[in-house]
């Protein structure tokens, strides 16, 4: 996620807190009922829907797409570890008498 997208999400969070806080909610606490739904409930659900849609748009825009793939990390092998095919340093066998 890009830094600019994180900033947008923080701004969206602050805006959401302000949108569903007391002074703004008091503006919509009226007896008028559009579509038979009390205005306060209509505002809350509409604000919730708008916040979710804006959040989806920000996250979709911030995702890394296939053409911008990150390079794969390389695995570095230590030089002093012997490989199974090396004949210069044969593996040392441990004897069972060493435990006594």
Protein backbone atom coordinates (compact mmCIF):
# COMPACT_ATOMS: atom_id res chain seq x y z
CA UNK A 1 0.00 0.00 0.00
CA UNK A 2 1.36 3.38 -0.96
CA UNK A 3 1.92 6.18 1.54
CA UNK A 4 -0.59 8.42 -0.21
CA UNK A 5 -3.30 5.75 0.16
CA UNK A 6 -2.61 5.50 3.88
CA UNK A 7 -3.07 9.24 4.15
CA UNK A 8 -6.38 9.01 2.28
CA UNK A 9 -7.58 6.29 4.64
CA UNK A 10 -6.66 8.39 7.69
CA UNK A 11 -8.48 11.39 6.22
CA UNK A 12 -11.49 9.17 5.48
CA UNK A 13 -11.49 7.91 9.08
CA UNK A 14 -11.41 11.44 10.48
CA UNK A 15 -14.19 12.48 8.10
CA UNK A 16 -16.28 9.48 9.15
CA UNK A 17 -15.84 10.29 12.84
CA UNK A 18 -16.95 13.85 12.20
CA UNK A 19 -19.87 12.75 10.01
CA UNK A 20 -21.36 10.46 12.66
CA UNK A 21 -20.66 12.65 15.69
CA UNK A 22 -23.22 14.58 17.73
CA UNK A 23 -23.35 18.02 16.10
CA UNK A 24 -23.84 16.60 12.61
CA UNK A 25 -26.32 13.94 13.76
CA UNK A 26 -28.37 16.63 15.48
CA UNK A 27 -28.83 18.34 12.10
CA UNK A 28 -30.62 15.23 10.81
CA UNK A 29 -32.80 14.56 13.88
CA UNK A 30 -35.95 15.97 12.28
CA UNK A 31 -39.47 14.57 11.95
CA UNK A 32 -39.25 14.54 8.12
CA UNK A 33 -39.17 10.98 6.66
CA UNK A 34 -38.00 10.53 3.06
CA UNK A 35 -39.24 7.22 1.59
CA UNK A 36 -40.97 6.55 4.93
CA UNK A 37 -37.61 6.25 6.74
CA UNK A 38 -36.76 8.70 9.55
CA UNK A 39 -34.22 11.26 8.31
CA UNK A 40 -31.61 10.35 10.95
CA UNK A 41 -31.63 6.64 9.96
CA UNK A 42 -31.59 7.58 6.27
CA UNK A 43 -28.53 9.79 6.85
CA UNK A 44 -26.68 7.15 8.89
CA UNK A 45 -27.16 4.40 6.30
CA UNK A 46 -26.36 6.73 3.40
CA UNK A 47 -23.19 8.01 5.13
CA UNK A 48 -22.17 4.42 5.92
CA UNK A 49 -22.67 3.39 2.29
CA UNK A 50 -20.69 6.36 0.96
CA UNK A 51 -17.81 5.70 3.39
CA UNK A 52 -17.62 2.04 2.35
CA UNK A 53 -17.67 2.90 -1.36
CA UNK A 54 -14.95 5.54 -0.98
CA UNK A 55 -12.83 3.13 1.07
CA UNK A 56 -13.19 0.46 -1.62
CA UNK A 57 -12.13 2.98 -4.28
CA UNK A 58 -9.05 4.04 -2.29
CA UNK A 59 -7.96 0.46 -1.58
CA UNK A 60 -8.51 -0.69 -5.18
CA UNK A 61 -6.49 2.25 -6.45
CA UNK A 62 -3.62 1.54 -4.07
CA UNK A 63 -3.13 -2.16 -4.87
CA UNK A 64 -0.05 -3.23 -6.80
CA UNK A 65 -1.03 -4.67 -10.16
CA UNK A 66 0.67 -7.50 -12.11
CA UNK A 67 2.83 -5.21 -14.26
CA UNK A 68 4.35 -3.60 -11.17
CA UNK A 69 5.51 -6.81 -9.48
CA UNK A 70 8.22 -6.54 -6.89
CA UNK A 71 11.50 -8.33 -7.67
CA UNK A 72 11.90 -11.74 -6.09
CA UNK A 73 14.43 -11.88 -3.25
CA UNK A 74 17.62 -13.82 -3.97
CA UNK A 75 18.82 -16.51 -1.62
CA UNK A 76 22.49 -16.26 -0.77
CA UNK A 77 24.32 -19.47 0.09
CA UNK A 78 27.29 -19.41 2.45
CA UNK A 79 30.52 -20.40 0.67
CA UNK A 80 31.92 -22.63 3.38
CA UNK A 81 29.08 -25.16 3.43
CA UNK A 82 29.96 -28.31 1.50
CA UNK A 83 27.49 -29.60 -1.01
CA UNK A 84 26.56 -33.21 -1.47
CA UNK A 85 28.46 -33.41 -4.79
CA UNK A 86 31.75 -32.00 -3.44
CA UNK A 87 34.49 -34.62 -3.20
CA UNK A 88 37.14 -32.33 -1.69
CA UNK A 89 35.64 -32.48 1.82
CA UNK A 90 33.96 -35.82 2.43
CA UNK A 91 31.44 -35.87 5.29
CA UNK A 92 32.80 -37.05 8.64
CA UNK A 93 31.01 -40.05 10.11
CA UNK A 94 30.47 -40.16 13.85
CA UNK A 95 31.14 -43.43 15.61
CA UNK A 96 28.76 -44.91 18.11
CA UNK A 97 31.64 -45.34 20.62
CA UNK A 98 31.85 -41.59 21.21
CA UNK A 99 28.75 -41.67 23.44
CA UNK A 100 30.41 -43.98 25.99
